[in-house]
Amino acid sequence: RLHPPTMKFDDILVRVGEFGFYQKRLYLILCIPAINVGCYMMMLVYTMHTPDHRCKIPGYDNDTFLEQSDYHRQLINMSIPDPDDPDSIYKYDRCHIIQYKSNVSSQVKCTEWVYDKSVFQETFASKVNLVCDDSLKTSHAQMIFYFGVLAGDVGFGSLADVIGRKKALVISAVLQVSAAVSVAFVSNYYVFVVLNFLVGAACHGVFVPATVLSKQKHESISTFLLEKSQ
């Protein structure tokens, strides 16, 4: 007795279409969080940018980075020393002011700064004064963000194996949005770093499941396009 050939799931896909309307719609939907991931990966480039700056003139509440008048320029020249390096691209020392006491001048570290606002009105680095002795904190924040990316690869990848790709994607997306929105309102460096760690972890918690869910027979093309959308 002859038995009819058994049709497998892959054979059914070939018959009904491997990359039809449903697959295309799913792929386009998955591109949305992937594009967001790309935006978040670039976010620190702007938020941690340190604009050109100099020390604020003591007692001059309306001081600005740009010279307001000849009188203002004279105050700057009297209060801010030249940079130690004669080949410096900066016009003024960025970390010291001239202090006058008993007709003797000396250079002391300043605690307030004014920033060039011609490009960015404010960045997180200028908001909390990550300059001079604290300038390395900008690099540390970016390093911790990418530690978060690594943690997200491992942590959310393992979580997706346990609870499924879709649930892991939703959890990561909620964490990503909530942490990223919170970053916009913090003014404490350490809270900022923790939130960016969570954003970094959530970024790849979103991207990895989205990449897996987008795969089908034409996975080389779809995965390539999804990665380029990041």
Protein backbone atom coordinates (compact mmCIF):
# COMPACT_ATOMS: atom_id res chain seq x y z
CA ARG A 1 0.00 0.00 0.00
CA LEU A 2 1.38 3.34 -1.04
CA HIS A 3 1.26 6.21 1.43
CA PRO A 4 0.91 9.80 0.19
CA PRO A 5 4.00 11.88 0.79
CA THR A 6 3.94 13.74 4.07
CA MET A 7 3.93 17.50 3.67
CA LYS A 8 6.21 19.25 6.13
CA PHE A 9 5.85 22.76 7.53
CA ASP A 10 8.58 24.11 5.25
CA ASP A 11 6.72 22.71 2.25
CA ILE A 12 3.56 24.52 3.34
CA LEU A 13 5.49 27.80 3.59
CA VAL A 14 6.72 27.35 0.03
CA ARG A 15 3.13 26.84 -1.14
CA VAL A 16 1.55 29.79 0.73
CA GLY A 17 4.50 32.14 0.38
CA GLU A 18 7.58 32.55 2.57
CA PHE A 19 7.68 36.33 2.63
CA GLY A 20 4.09 37.44 2.30
CA PHE A 21 2.10 40.34 3.70
CA TYR A 22 2.27 39.10 7.30
CA GLN A 23 6.04 38.62 7.22
CA LYS A 24 6.60 42.01 5.60
CA ARG A 25 4.36 43.73 8.15
CA LEU A 26 6.12 41.94 11.02
CA TYR A 27 9.50 42.91 9.63
CA LEU A 28 8.57 46.59 9.30
CA ILE A 29 7.17 46.63 12.84
CA LEU A 30 10.39 45.09 14.18
CA CYS A 31 12.41 47.76 12.38
CA ILE A 32 10.85 50.44 14.61
CA PRO A 33 12.53 49.32 17.87
CA ALA A 34 15.73 48.57 15.95
CA ILE A 35 15.86 52.15 14.64
CA ASN A 36 15.24 53.42 18.19
CA VAL A 37 18.20 51.37 19.36
CA GLY A 38 20.39 53.17 16.83
CA CYS A 39 19.19 56.52 18.16
CA TYR A 40 19.95 55.53 21.74
CA MET A 41 23.41 54.29 20.79
CA MET A 42 24.19 57.76 19.46
CA MET A 43 22.55 59.58 22.36
CA LEU A 44 25.66 59.81 24.54
CA VAL A 45 27.61 61.49 21.76
CA TYR A 46 25.37 64.52 22.22
CA THR A 47 24.43 64.37 25.91
CA MET A 48 28.06 63.97 27.02
CA HIS A 49 29.47 66.54 24.61
CA THR A 50 31.50 69.19 26.44
CA PRO A 51 31.12 72.61 24.79
CA ASP A 52 33.95 75.11 24.78
CA HIS A 53 34.07 76.82 28.17
CA ARG A 54 36.04 78.93 30.60
CA CYS A 55 35.80 79.85 34.27
CA LYS A 56 33.03 82.19 35.30
CA ILE A 57 34.15 85.66 36.40
CA PRO A 58 33.63 85.82 40.20
CA GLY A 59 30.83 88.18 41.22
CA TYR A 60 29.65 88.71 37.63
CA ASP A 61 26.21 87.09 37.55
CA ASN A 62 25.52 87.93 33.89
CA ASP A 63 28.78 86.46 32.62
CA THR A 64 28.56 84.60 29.32
CA PHE A 65 31.08 82.72 27.23
CA LEU A 66 30.78 85.18 24.37
CA GLU A 67 32.17 88.66 24.91
CA GLN A 68 29.39 91.17 25.49
CA SER A 69 31.39 94.41 25.26
CA ASP A 70 34.88 95.88 25.55
CA TYR A 71 34.37 96.18 29.31
CA HIS A 72 33.41 92.52 29.50
CA ARG A 73 36.49 91.54 27.50
CA GLN A 74 38.69 93.51 29.90
CA LEU A 75 37.12 91.71 32.86
CA ILE A 76 37.79 88.36 31.22
CA ASN A 77 41.43 89.26 30.53
CA MET A 78 41.87 90.40 34.13
CA SER A 79 40.15 87.34 35.64
CA ILE A 80 41.07 84.43 33.38
CA PRO A 81 44.72 83.49 32.73
CA ASP A 82 46.12 82.38 29.41
CA PRO A 83 46.50 78.62 28.90
CA ASP A 84 49.75 77.06 30.11
CA ASP A 85 50.39 75.49 26.73
CA PRO A 86 51.36 78.21 24.23
CA ASP A 87 50.18 75.95 21.40
CA SER A 88 46.75 75.48 22.94
CA ILE A 89 43.78 76.02 20.65
CA TYR A 90 41.94 77.68 23.52
CA LYS A 91 42.12 81.38 24.19
CA TYR A 92 41.81 81.13 27.97
CA ASP A 93 42.68 78.67 30.71
CA ARG A 94 39.64 76.48 31.29
CA CYS A 95 40.16 75.55 34.92
CA HIS A 96 41.72 78.51 36.75
CA ILE A 97 40.94 82.11 37.60
CA ILE A 98 43.22 84.91 38.72
CA GLN A 99 42.71 85.82 42.35
CA TYR A 100 43.93 89.16 43.66
CA LYS A 101 44.86 89.54 47.32
CA SER A 102 46.98 92.31 48.86
CA ASN A 103 48.08 93.45 45.40
CA VAL A 104 49.37 89.94 44.69
CA SER A 105 47.78 87.76 42.02
CA SER A 106 47.63 83.99 42.04
CA GLN A 107 45.86 81.30 40.06
CA VAL A 108 43.26 79.15 41.80
CA LYS A 109 40.89 76.48 40.54
CA CYS A 110 37.44 77.72 39.71
CA THR A 111 34.15 76.11 40.72
CA GLU A 112 31.83 77.71 38.16
CA TRP A 113 32.01 77.85 34.38
CA VAL A 114 30.31 79.48 31.42
CA TYR A 115 29.80 77.53 28.20
CA ASP A 116 29.63 78.24 24.50
CA LYS A 117 25.95 77.87 23.57
CA SER A 118 26.31 78.44 19.84
CA VAL A 119 25.83 74.72 19.04
CA PHE A 120 24.11 73.20 22.08
CA GLN A 121 22.10 75.24 24.54
CA GLU A 122 22.90 72.68 27.21
CA THR A 123 24.27 69.15 27.47
CA PHE A 124 24.44 66.91 30.52
CA ALA A 125 28.19 67.55 30.70
CA SER A 126 27.64 71.32 30.89
CA LYS A 127 24.63 70.93 33.17
CA VAL A 128 26.62 69.21 35.93
CA ASN A 129 30.04 70.70 35.01
CA LEU A 130 31.91 67.57 33.93
CA VAL A 131 35.06 69.56 33.18
CA CYS A 132 38.59 69.96 34.53
CA ASP A 133 39.06 67.44 37.38
CA ASP A 134 35.76 65.74 36.47
CA SER A 135 36.33 65.61 32.71
CA LEU A 136 37.06 61.86 32.73
CA LYS A 137 33.56 61.20 34.00
CA THR A 138 32.23 61.73 30.48
CA SER A 139 34.34 58.79 29.24
CA HIS A 140 33.35 56.71 32.27
CA ALA A 141 29.66 57.29 31.54
CA GLN A 142 30.08 56.07 27.96
CA MET A 143 32.09 53.06 29.12
CA ILE A 144 29.38 52.09 31.63
CA PHE A 145 26.73 52.45 28.91
CA TYR A 146 28.53 49.84 26.80
CA PHE A 147 28.92 47.60 29.83
CA GLY A 148 25.13 47.79 29.92
CA VAL A 149 25.01 46.75 26.26
CA LEU A 150 27.15 43.71 27.10
CA ALA A 151 24.98 42.87 30.11
CA GLY A 152 21.86 43.18 27.96
CA ASP A 153 23.26 40.78 25.37
CA VAL A 154 23.88 38.14 28.01
CA GLY A 155 20.99 38.82 30.38
CA PHE A 156 18.12 39.42 27.98
CA GLY A 157 19.42 36.75 25.62
CA SER A 158 19.16 34.19 28.41
CA LEU A 159 15.79 35.60 29.50
CA ALA A 160 14.44 35.27 25.96
CA ASP A 161 15.40 31.58 25.95
CA VAL A 162 13.30 31.09 29.07
CA ILE A 163 10.19 33.24 28.54
CA GLY A 164 10.25 33.67 24.76
CA ARG A 165 11.44 36.31 22.32
CA LYS A 166 8.24 38.35 22.23
CA LYS A 167 7.97 38.75 26.02
CA ALA A 168 11.67 39.59 26.29
CA LEU A 169 11.27 42.18 23.53
CA VAL A 170 8.31 43.84 25.28
CA ILE A 171 10.06 43.92 28.67
CA SER A 172 13.19 45.39 27.10
CA ALA A 173 11.23 48.01 25.17
CA VAL A 174 9.38 49.17 28.30
CA LEU A 175 12.66 49.37 30.25
CA GLN A 176 14.35 51.19 27.36
CA VAL A 177 11.70 53.89 27.04
CA SER A 178 11.20 54.44 30.78
CA ALA A 179 14.95 54.68 31.50
CA ALA A 180 15.62 56.91 28.48
CA VAL A 181 12.82 59.32 29.41
CA SER A 182 14.07 59.45 33.01
CA VAL A 183 17.57 60.38 31.80
CA ALA A 184 16.21 63.66 30.44
CA PHE A 185 15.18 64.82 33.92
CA VAL A 186 18.10 63.81 36.14
CA SER A 187 20.79 66.19 37.33
CA ASN A 188 22.85 63.74 39.37
CA TYR A 189 25.80 62.12 37.64
CA TYR A 190 25.53 58.74 39.38
CA VAL A 191 21.79 58.42 38.73
CA PHE A 192 22.49 59.38 35.11
CA VAL A 193 25.10 56.63 34.81
CA VAL A 194 22.80 53.97 36.31
CA LEU A 195 19.95 54.93 33.98
CA ASN A 196 22.25 54.85 30.96
CA PHE A 197 23.46 51.40 31.99
CA LEU A 198 19.81 50.28 31.94
CA VAL A 199 19.26 51.96 28.56
CA GLY A 200 22.30 50.16 27.15
CA ALA A 201 21.12 46.81 28.51
CA ALA A 202 17.61 47.35 27.18
CA CYS A 203 18.91 48.38 23.74
CA HIS A 204 20.30 44.97 22.99
CA GLY A 205 17.48 43.36 24.93
CA VAL A 206 15.31 44.84 22.17
CA PHE A 207 17.62 44.40 19.20
CA VAL A 208 18.60 40.74 19.62
CA PRO A 209 15.03 39.33 19.90
CA ALA A 210 13.91 41.63 17.06
CA THR A 211 16.67 40.23 14.86
CA VAL A 212 15.72 36.63 15.67
CA LEU A 213 12.00 37.24 15.14
CA SER A 214 12.66 38.82 11.74
CA LYS A 215 14.45 35.77 10.34
CA GLN A 216 12.92 33.47 7.75
CA LYS A 217 14.28 31.77 4.65
CA HIS A 218 15.57 35.10 3.34
CA GLU A 219 17.23 35.76 6.68
CA SER A 220 20.54 36.97 5.23
CA ILE A 221 18.80 39.91 3.53
CA SER A 222 16.34 40.74 6.31
CA THR A 223 18.95 40.51 9.06
CA PHE A 224 21.34 42.69 7.06
CA LEU A 225 18.66 45.36 6.59
CA LEU A 226 17.61 45.19 10.24
CA GLU A 227 21.18 45.65 11.39
CA LYS A 228 21.62 48.60 9.03
CA SER A 229 18.53 50.21 10.57
CA GLN A 230 20.33 50.32 13.94
